C-alpha atoms as a PDB file:
ATOM      1  CA  MET A   1     104.965 113.846  97.598  1.00  0.00           C
ATOM      2  CA  LYS A   2     104.810 110.992  95.109  1.00  0.00           C
ATOM      3  CA  LEU A   3     101.692 109.610  93.469  1.00  0.00           C
ATOM      4  CA  THR A   4     101.457 105.828  93.556  1.00  0.00           C
ATOM      5  CA  TYR A   5      99.187 103.036  92.393  1.00  0.00           C
ATOM      6  CA  THR A   6      99.176  99.267  92.759  1.00  0.00           C
ATOM      7  CA  CYS A   7      99.316  97.046  89.684  1.00  0.00           C
ATOM      8  CA  SER A   8      96.266  94.801  89.413  1.00  0.00           C
ATOM      9  CA  ILE A   9      98.343  91.900  88.022  1.00  0.00           C
ATOM     10  CA  CYS A  10     101.584  91.750  90.018  1.00  0.00           C
ATOM     11  CA  LYS A  11     100.353  93.784  93.056  1.00  0.00           C
ATOM     12  CA  LYS A  12     103.532  95.909  93.116  1.00  0.00           C
ATOM     13  CA  GLN A  13     103.591  99.614  93.876  1.00  0.00           C
ATOM     14  CA  ASN A  14     104.375 101.946  90.971  1.00  0.00           C
ATOM     15  CA  TYR A  15     104.824 105.702  90.742  1.00  0.00           C
ATOM     16  CA  LEU A  16     103.122 108.162  88.413  1.00  0.00           C
ATOM     17  CA  ARG A  17     105.154 110.754  86.558  1.00  0.00           C
ATOM     18  CA  ASP A  18     102.302 113.264  86.712  1.00  0.00           C
ATOM     19  CA  LYS A  19     102.472 115.735  89.580  1.00  0.00           C
ATOM     20  CA  ALA A  20      99.381 117.193  91.228  1.00  0.00           C
ATOM     21  CA  VAL A  21      98.538 118.709  94.593  1.00  0.00           C
ATOM     22  CA  THR A  22      94.958 117.371  94.720  1.00  0.00           C
ATOM     23  CA  ARG A  23      92.907 114.774  92.876  1.00  0.00           C
ATOM     24  CA  PRO A  24      90.896 117.446  91.007  1.00  0.00           C
ATOM     25  CA  ASP A  25      94.206 118.918  89.809  1.00  0.00           C
ATOM     26  CA  LEU A  26      95.245 115.477  88.570  1.00  0.00           C
ATOM     27  CA  GLN A  27      91.874 115.067  86.880  1.00  0.00           C
ATOM     28  CA  MET A  28      92.307 118.390  85.066  1.00  0.00           C
ATOM     29  CA  LYS A  29      95.853 117.471  84.062  1.00  0.00           C
ATOM     30  CA  VAL A  30      94.912 114.096  82.517  1.00  0.00           C
ATOM     31  CA  ARG A  31      91.516 115.424  81.330  1.00  0.00           C
ATOM     32  CA  SER A  32      89.769 112.244  82.415  1.00  0.00           C
ATOM     33  CA  ASP A  33      88.621 110.331  85.481  1.00  0.00           C
ATOM     34  CA  GLU A  34      91.117 107.598  84.640  1.00  0.00           C
ATOM     35  CA  VAL A  35      94.875 107.623  84.301  1.00  0.00           C
ATOM     36  CA  ARG A  36      96.610 105.388  81.746  1.00  0.00           C
ATOM     37  CA  VAL A  37      99.425 103.569  83.523  1.00  0.00           C
ATOM     38  CA  ASN A  38     102.123 101.090  82.577  1.00  0.00           C
ATOM     39  CA  CYS A  39     103.454  98.801  85.319  1.00  0.00           C
ATOM     40  CA  SER A  40     107.238  99.041  85.559  1.00  0.00           C
ATOM     41  CA  HIS A  41     107.460  95.473  86.912  1.00  0.00           C
ATOM     42  CA  CYS A  42     105.225  93.378  84.633  1.00  0.00           C
ATOM     43  CA  GLY A  43     104.644  95.831  81.757  1.00  0.00           C
ATOM     44  CA  LYS A  44     100.825  95.678  81.931  1.00  0.00           C
ATOM     45  CA  MET A  45      99.046  98.661  80.380  1.00  0.00           C
ATOM     46  CA  ASP A  46      95.989  99.580  82.425  1.00  0.00           C
ATOM     47  CA  LYS A  47      93.636 102.391  83.382  1.00  0.00           C
ATOM     48  CA  LYS A  48      93.312 103.408  87.008  1.00  0.00           C
ATOM     49  CA  HIS A  49      90.551 105.609  88.362  1.00  0.00           C
ATOM     50  CA  ILE A  50      91.950 108.717  90.019  1.00  0.00           C
ATOM     51  CA  ASN A  51      90.565 107.540  93.371  1.00  0.00           C
ATOM     52  CA  ARG A  52      92.894 104.504  93.119  1.00  0.00           C
ATOM     53  CA  VAL A  53      95.924 106.793  93.035  1.00  0.00           C
ATOM     54  CA  ASP A  54      97.404 107.567  96.449  1.00  0.00           C
ATOM     55  CA  ALA A  55     100.016 110.033  97.663  1.00  0.00           C
ATOM     56  CA  VAL A  56     102.998 109.000  99.773  1.00  0.00           C
ATOM     57  CA  VAL A  57     105.767 111.024 101.374  1.00  0.00           C
ATOM     58  CA  ASP A  58     108.758 111.603  99.112  1.00  0.00           C
ATOM     59  CA  SER A  59     111.861 110.522 101.019  1.00  0.00           C
ATOM     60  CA  ARG A  60     114.084 112.785  98.898  1.00  0.00           C
ATOM     61  CA  VAL A  61     112.400 115.869 100.386  1.00  0.00           C
ATOM     62  CA  ASN A  62     112.972 114.491 103.888  1.00  0.00           C
ATOM     63  CA  LEU A  63     116.634 113.911 103.030  1.00  0.00           C
ATOM     64  CA  ILE A  64     116.962 117.527 101.861  1.00  0.00           C
ATOM     65  CA  GLY A  65     115.475 118.683 105.179  1.00  0.00           C
ATOM     66  CA  LEU A  66     117.922 116.496 107.092  1.00  0.00           C
ATOM     67  CA  ILE A  67     120.871 117.873 105.123  1.00  0.00           C
ATOM     68  CA  LEU A  68     119.728 121.484 105.632  1.00  0.00           C
ATOM     69  CA  GLY A  69     119.291 120.781 109.342  1.00  0.00           C
ATOM     70  CA  GLY A  70     122.833 119.385 109.519  1.00  0.00           C
ATOM     71  CA  ILE A  71     124.315 122.335 107.637  1.00  0.00           C
ATOM     72  CA  SER A  72     122.481 124.862 109.824  1.00  0.00           C
ATOM     73  CA  THR A  73     123.636 122.996 112.946  1.00  0.00           C
ATOM     74  CA  VAL A  74     127.255 123.245 111.813  1.00  0.00           C
ATOM     75  CA  LEU A  75     126.859 126.959 111.001  1.00  0.00           C
ATOM     76  CA  VAL A  76     125.174 127.737 114.301  1.00  0.00           C
ATOM     77  CA  TRP A  77     127.804 125.669 116.149  1.00  0.00           C
ATOM     78  CA  GLN A  78     130.596 127.748 114.559  1.00  0.00           C
ATOM     79  CA  ILE A  79     128.962 130.927 115.830  1.00  0.00           C
ATOM     80  CA  GLY A  80     128.799 129.471 119.313  1.00  0.00           C
ATOM     81  CA  PHE A  81     125.074 128.753 119.559  1.00  0.00           C
ATOM     82  CA  ILE A  82     123.246 125.486 119.402  1.00  0.00           C
ATOM     83  CA  ALA A  83     119.615 126.175 118.569  1.00  0.00           C
ATOM     84  CA  ALA A  84     116.629 123.865 118.705  1.00  0.00           C
ATOM     85  CA  PHE A  85     115.384 125.143 115.350  1.00  0.00           C
ATOM     86  CA  THR A  86     118.189 123.252 113.596  1.00  0.00           C
ATOM     87  CA  PHE A  87     116.624 120.013 114.766  1.00  0.00           C
ATOM     88  CA  ALA A  88     113.201 121.278 113.775  1.00  0.00           C
ATOM     89  CA  ILE A  89     114.111 121.786 110.095  1.00  0.00           C
ATOM     90  CA  PRO A  90     113.924 118.080 109.149  1.00  0.00           C
ATOM     91  CA  ILE A  91     110.743 117.700 111.201  1.00  0.00           C
ATOM     92  CA  PHE A  92     109.227 120.688 109.378  1.00  0.00           C
ATOM     93  CA  PHE A  93     110.024 119.169 105.970  1.00  0.00           C
ATOM     94  CA  TRP A  94     108.603 115.769 107.011  1.00  0.00           C
ATOM     95  CA  ARG A  95     105.441 117.345 108.469  1.00  0.00           C
ATOM     96  CA  HIS A  96     104.893 119.452 105.342  1.00  0.00           C
ATOM     97  CA  GLU A  97     105.149 116.354 103.115  1.00  0.00           C
ATOM     98  CA  MET A  98     102.763 114.427 105.395  1.00  0.00           C
ATOM     99  CA  ASP A  99     100.208 117.261 105.222  1.00  0.00           C
ATOM    100  CA  LYS A 100     100.403 117.412 101.415  1.00  0.00           C
ATOM    101  CA  ALA A 101      99.943 113.641 101.098  1.00  0.00           C
ATOM    102  CA  SER A 102      97.076 113.673 103.590  1.00  0.00           C
ATOM    103  CA  ARG A 103      95.262 116.475 101.729  1.00  0.00           C
ATOM    104  CA  PHE A 104      95.598 114.581  98.445  1.00  0.00           C
ATOM    105  CA  ASN A 105      94.333 111.311  99.938  1.00  0.00           C
ATOM    106  CA  LYS A 106      91.339 112.923 101.683  1.00  0.00           C
ATOM    107  CA  THR A 107      89.732 114.309  98.538  1.00  0.00           C
ATOM    108  CA  LEU A 108      87.956 111.883  96.233  1.00  0.00           C
ATOM    109  CA  ILE A 109      86.444 112.324  92.790  1.00  0.00           C
ATOM    110  CA  SER A 110      82.829 111.260  92.416  1.00  0.00           C
ATOM    111  CA  ARG A 111      82.434 108.321  90.061  1.00  0.00           C
ATOM    112  CA  LYS A 112      80.172 108.773  87.095  1.00  0.00           C
ATOM    113  CA  ASN A 113      77.453 106.170  86.606  1.00  0.00           C
ATOM    114  CA  ALA A 114      77.653 104.536  83.206  1.00  0.00           C
END
C-alpha cells in the first residue's frame, strides 16, 4: 500500500515516504493533523491534511504475488500436480493490498475548528 496525495498546483499524484496502516497511525507518526509535502513534479512545498492523503494498491506487492504464484506452479508441476492454490496466490496478495488500502481510506480524522 502506498500513500498518495494530489498537488494543489500541478494536480499530479505524488507519493509519501511515510508508512502507516491507518490515518491515526499517520497522525501519530507526523505528530500533527497536517503532513508537510514537497511535489516531485513542480517542487511546491505544501501542507496536506491527513484526510487528503489516500492509500492505493502497491503494484510491487502484486508483482511479488504473481512471481510466487509462478514459482509454486512450476514446483507443483514438477511433482506432478497442478493445484488451484497456485493461481490463488496472486489473488490473495492483491486482495490483501486492497483490504489494507480500503481500511486506510475509510477512517478519517476529525478536523479541529480554529
